[in-house]
Amino acid sequence: MVFDVTSRDSFEKCQQWVKELNEKAGADIRIVIVGNKIDLENHQVSRDEANEYARGLGLQYYEVSAKQNLGVDELFKDLAKKLPKESTNKKQNTVRPRAGDNKANQPQ
């Protein structure tokens, strides 16, 4: 869940979305809080405030600047490490021959 650190309203809406996700999504949902636009001045939400909010919910908090590509790679690398190794709804990517098919009838 991403919010703009220069906008108090953005942070409050982020909190509403997190609450709604926790109420309506499955238990296996993974949520992280991301403060964006850290390259700008006039932060209305401090790192400490956002981090305290996230920790209170057992979530992780990251700060990034998408415009200047600060912290973005680290965010995605960290998230990728935490994803399950295999999705529970993964489709098989194997092609099984139909009954009666044989190698002689298949294009080379």
Protein backbone atom coordinates (compact mmCIF):
# COMPACT_ATOMS: atom_id res chain seq x y z
CA MET A 1 0.00 0.00 0.00
CA VAL A 2 1.66 3.21 -1.19
CA PHE A 3 1.07 6.71 0.12
CA ASP A 4 2.61 10.12 -0.53
CA VAL A 5 4.71 11.30 2.45
CA THR A 6 3.93 14.92 1.52
CA SER A 7 0.19 14.36 1.91
CA ARG A 8 -1.52 13.67 5.23
CA ASP A 9 -4.71 12.82 3.30
CA SER A 10 -2.85 10.17 1.30
CA PHE A 11 -1.62 8.53 4.53
CA GLU A 12 -5.11 8.55 6.03
CA LYS A 13 -6.55 6.95 2.87
CA CYS A 14 -3.79 4.36 2.99
CA GLN A 15 -4.88 3.48 6.53
CA GLN A 16 -8.48 3.09 5.36
CA TRP A 17 -7.40 0.77 2.52
CA VAL A 18 -5.31 -1.36 4.89
CA LYS A 19 -8.26 -1.65 7.27
CA GLU A 20 -10.55 -2.68 4.39
CA LEU A 21 -8.04 -5.21 3.08
CA ASN A 22 -7.71 -6.75 6.53
CA GLU A 23 -11.50 -7.02 6.80
CA LYS A 24 -12.25 -8.36 3.32
CA ALA A 25 -9.17 -10.13 1.97
CA GLY A 26 -8.07 -13.65 2.75
CA ALA A 27 -5.76 -14.41 5.65
CA ASP A 28 -2.87 -15.11 3.26
CA ILE A 29 -2.71 -11.51 1.97
CA ARG A 30 0.65 -9.79 2.35
CA ILE A 31 0.59 -6.06 2.97
CA VAL A 32 3.48 -3.64 3.26
CA ILE A 33 3.31 0.12 3.70
CA VAL A 34 5.38 2.26 1.32
CA GLY A 35 5.97 5.98 1.77
CA ASN A 36 6.72 7.51 -1.63
CA LYS A 37 8.14 10.91 -2.67
CA ILE A 38 10.84 11.00 0.01
CA ASP A 39 12.88 13.16 -2.38
CA LEU A 40 10.48 16.05 -1.81
CA GLU A 41 10.46 18.47 1.10
CA ASN A 42 7.47 19.34 3.27
CA HIS A 43 6.81 15.82 4.54
CA GLN A 44 3.47 15.74 6.32
CA VAL A 45 4.05 12.17 7.52
CA SER A 46 7.30 11.39 9.30
CA ARG A 47 9.22 8.16 8.93
CA ASP A 48 8.69 7.49 12.64
CA GLU A 49 4.93 7.97 12.42
CA ALA A 50 4.51 5.71 9.39
CA ASN A 51 6.87 3.10 10.81
CA GLU A 52 5.00 3.10 14.13
CA TYR A 53 1.68 2.68 12.31
CA ALA A 54 3.02 -0.24 10.26
CA ARG A 55 4.65 -1.94 13.26
CA GLY A 56 1.41 -1.62 15.21
CA LEU A 57 -0.24 -3.81 12.57
CA GLY A 58 2.68 -6.18 12.24
CA LEU A 59 3.55 -4.77 8.82
CA GLN A 60 6.79 -3.56 7.33
CA TYR A 61 7.38 0.02 6.26
CA TYR A 62 9.56 1.16 3.37
CA GLU A 63 10.38 4.62 2.07
CA VAL A 64 11.08 5.26 -1.58
CA SER A 65 11.33 7.87 -4.28
CA ALA A 66 9.91 6.42 -7.46
CA LYS A 67 11.01 9.52 -9.37
CA GLN A 68 14.65 9.24 -8.29
CA ASN A 69 14.61 5.43 -7.97
CA LEU A 70 15.62 5.54 -4.31
CA GLY A 71 14.82 2.41 -2.35
CA VAL A 72 12.68 0.89 -5.12
CA ASP A 73 15.05 -1.97 -5.99
CA GLU A 74 15.52 -2.84 -2.32
CA LEU A 75 11.76 -2.82 -1.78
CA PHE A 76 11.05 -5.25 -4.62
CA LYS A 77 14.01 -7.50 -3.80
CA ASP A 78 12.90 -7.73 -0.17
CA LEU A 79 9.29 -8.43 -1.17
CA ALA A 80 10.35 -11.11 -3.65
CA LYS A 81 12.32 -12.91 -0.93
CA LYS A 82 9.25 -13.01 1.27
CA LEU A 83 6.84 -14.42 -1.32
CA PRO A 84 6.05 -18.11 -1.15
CA LYS A 85 8.28 -20.23 -3.35
CA GLU A 86 5.27 -21.68 -5.13
CA SER A 87 1.88 -20.11 -5.61
CA THR A 88 -1.08 -22.08 -4.32
CA ASN A 89 -3.09 -21.31 -7.45
CA LYS A 90 -0.30 -21.91 -9.95
CA LYS A 91 -1.41 -23.48 -13.21
CA GLN A 92 0.53 -26.31 -14.74
CA ASN A 93 2.63 -25.19 -17.70
CA THR A 94 3.02 -28.64 -19.13
CA VAL A 95 1.31 -29.74 -22.31
CA ARG A 96 -0.04 -33.26 -22.22
CA PRO A 97 -0.64 -35.12 -25.47
CA ARG A 98 -4.23 -36.00 -26.24
CA ALA A 99 -5.24 -39.63 -26.42
CA GLY A 100 -4.33 -41.05 -29.79
CA ASP A 101 -1.60 -38.47 -30.48
CA ASN A 102 1.81 -39.83 -31.24
CA LYS A 103 5.12 -38.33 -32.25
CA ALA A 104 4.66 -39.37 -35.88
CA ASN A 105 1.62 -37.08 -36.28
CA GLN A 106 3.14 -34.04 -34.55
CA PRO A 107 4.88 -31.27 -36.54
CA GLN A 108 8.65 -31.19 -36.28
